[in-house]
Amino acid sequence: MEPDGVEVTPTSDNKTPDASELETEHKDQNDCTEEEDRLLSSCSDVFQKAVRDADQAECEPSPATEPYKAKYAARKVLENARETLSKSQGKKDAASREESANASLNDSDKTRLELAMLDIRIGVNLYLTEENTDGERSMRKGAEAIEGPEAWNALVAIFDKQDQDPAPANQEACNEESEIARCECKVRDGLADVAIQHLVSGYNFLGVLWSHRADGDRRARRFLRRARAICEARFGSDARLQEYTSTLFFLAQVEAAAGNAGASAELCGKTLYRQHILRHSYEPFSWITNAFGLASYFLQRGQTRIAAHCVCAAGRALDDLDDSKQSGEQFEQVRADLLQAKGNMYAQVLRIASAVRDAREENEPVEAYLPDAWASIDEQTCFVPSKSLDKRENEDICVPAAQEVATFEAARELFNVANTCFVQAKRFYVLDGYVTAHLGILQSQSGLYKDLAAFETDPKRLVAMHGRREKLLADLLDDLNPEVYLKEHQEIAFELGSIAHLALNSQLTLARASAKVQSDAWMLSLQPAMIKRVNQWAMKMVRYYGHFCKMFEQAEAKDKASSNDEETGEEYTLPYLSAHFWTMHAFKSMIPPDPRSVPARVLFLQEQVKYAKLTSKLASERLAADSQAFQTERQICKDIAELIASDQPLSLWQSQLQKLEHSDEMMLLRQDPDLRDDMPDLAVEYRLE
């Protein structure tokens, strides 16, 4: 059912297929020959021959210079059949009808229905050749003839009423459902199944046609809901019609465009179910990709177990591929996507478990982190029956609930599964060729270490975890060209700064614990190796946040040069301000190689004042006067500047620094091998001018 290249997910581009994409859709409908033969068996020989000949004509290849040649040939067949039936209709109208219109249809009525069905087929053909106005007119004519004047006029009245007096979205949906439900009972019982099939197809394409028009989404949704109501009224919700699968698919796209993500997700699930069971337009790679998209939607909503079901079903579909398809780049990419989806699933559980643990430590309610996340899988949502999954796959579905992950050991199990999936996915998504995907996987791995760290209490192991996080991302700043990947440089540098900050805090905890004197003079008893490690992380904070600020300013300059006047709010500015604030914190945490060196300490204090004043200045320039954002940080900067200035006058600091320039202690700062690599020339690079 699904056209190639169209995603059946509520997180896609929310666009219904256009005419070119629907060509594949229309051909796929003609593949269900057994069901088609059953439906056509009640029709005249003229109609049956016309349908089969038209289908055959459409399957003929068209040259690039005449892309619609096959469709024009098919239309000619349908129009000739319509002309033949129209002539015979005139003779049959002379015969009297045995009963009323609600009784069994006589030959004359059957011919009228066949003419109406041909009108719909011709209308679909016109739409697929981009003759939209004529196509709509023909489809509406056929639909009206099949529905009957009473039902058609009632449906048109709904459209006209709601176009003239649109109700609020929720009230509109309620009114629309009830009126269309009442309208469905007017479908005549005597209609043959083949007429219902064509009527549903006509409404499907009318819905798609209107979805591409300005302000046409509401009418598109009504046509598609009408198609769904008619089909379910006649055949039930398990109708085997290809057209019903198409209805669900198109309606999912329209609901997503209208912002009804939940309804769209449900329809996507049903579409995938029908494709899997009935093999309606079943293309394995597209089906698997769409299952991933649906899993991503449920993950975003915290419905991890349903997401796990989607991932499991996709894995089964991949395993069931023919041997001929289990090779090549497409297979390897889908396999990498499956690994990434599975990794994301376990990472999401770990992320929620980490948030729950933090909330419990702060004595906060944890319910906010578990919105319907662990409900049983709804049978309506499951698009692969449980009985079709073997024991191993059923076990795979049962991911642990976040509230059950209470220990480091339990968290590590989730981490190991997710990290293994990400490592294997990176074998396909290498940096050279898949920059965005590779970067996304690395950031997911970094997030895994961050969430696992919430369960770790040993500061030494915490530092090691943050070191692994840094190693994952640090090389990207050298590998990616900032001229091309400016935004990525900002994201990576800020995350690396945050990693260095967390590592610094853990390293300071270790330093305090290792100090021989547990008092305000604890730094005096530190070993040089410990001082080096503290300063290394502090300088990494300075370096990474400095790189972020540089990239941020370059991006602003580019926007200004390109006359990009897009409004930038506080959310855009706050990371820039935070980078300056935490740079000040980094200098506050630095320890001189000789903790007794007063001039060296003055150097670090002066850097604190510099960044405290700079942060306050930038906040005043970039935030509104009445803004409540960044208030705590601004007050801290103000307090630090005043406290240090009152204790050591600026003039005294500068005189001390001048004396320090050629002293032995400055030589120590510049030449100490423990500092040379990670603390480049502090007295020159970081002192006030």
Foldseek 3Di string as FASTA:
>chain_A
DFFPPDFLALPPPLAFDALQSCLVVVLLLVVPPVVVCVQCVVADPLLVVLVVVLSVLSPDQDDPVCRCPSLVVSLVSLVVSLVVLVVVLVVCVVDDDPDDPLDADDPNLRSLLSNLLSLQVSLSSCRSVVVNVSSLVSLLSSLCSQLDVVLSVLLVVLVVVCVVPPDPPVVNVVVLVVSLLVSLVSRRPNDGPSSLLSNLLSLLVVLNSQSPDVVSLVVSLSSLVSNLSNQCVVQNPPDLRLSNLSSLSSNLSSCSVVVNNVSSLLSSLQSLLSCVPNVRVNDLLSSLVSLLSSLVVCLVVLQLLLSLLSLLVNVVSLVPDDPVPCDDLSNLLSLLSSLLSLLSSLLSLLQLLLVQLVCVVVVHDSVVSHDVRDDDDDPSNRSDDPVVDDPVSVVSSCDDHSPVQDALVSLVVSLVSSLVSLVSSCVSCPCVPNVPVNLVSLVSNLSSLVSSLSRDDQLVVNLVSLVVNCVSQVCVLVVDDCVVPLVVLLVSLLVNLVSLVSSLVSLVVVQCVPFPDNDPVSLQRGDLVSLLVNLLSLLSNLVSLVSNLVSLVVVVVVCVVVVPPDDDDPVSCVSNLVSLLVNLVSLVRHAQSNNVDPLVNLLSLQLNLVSLVVSLVVCVVHHDPPDPPCPVSNVVSVVSNVVVCVVAPPVNSVVSLVVVPPDPSLVCCQPVPSQVPRPHNSSPPRGDD
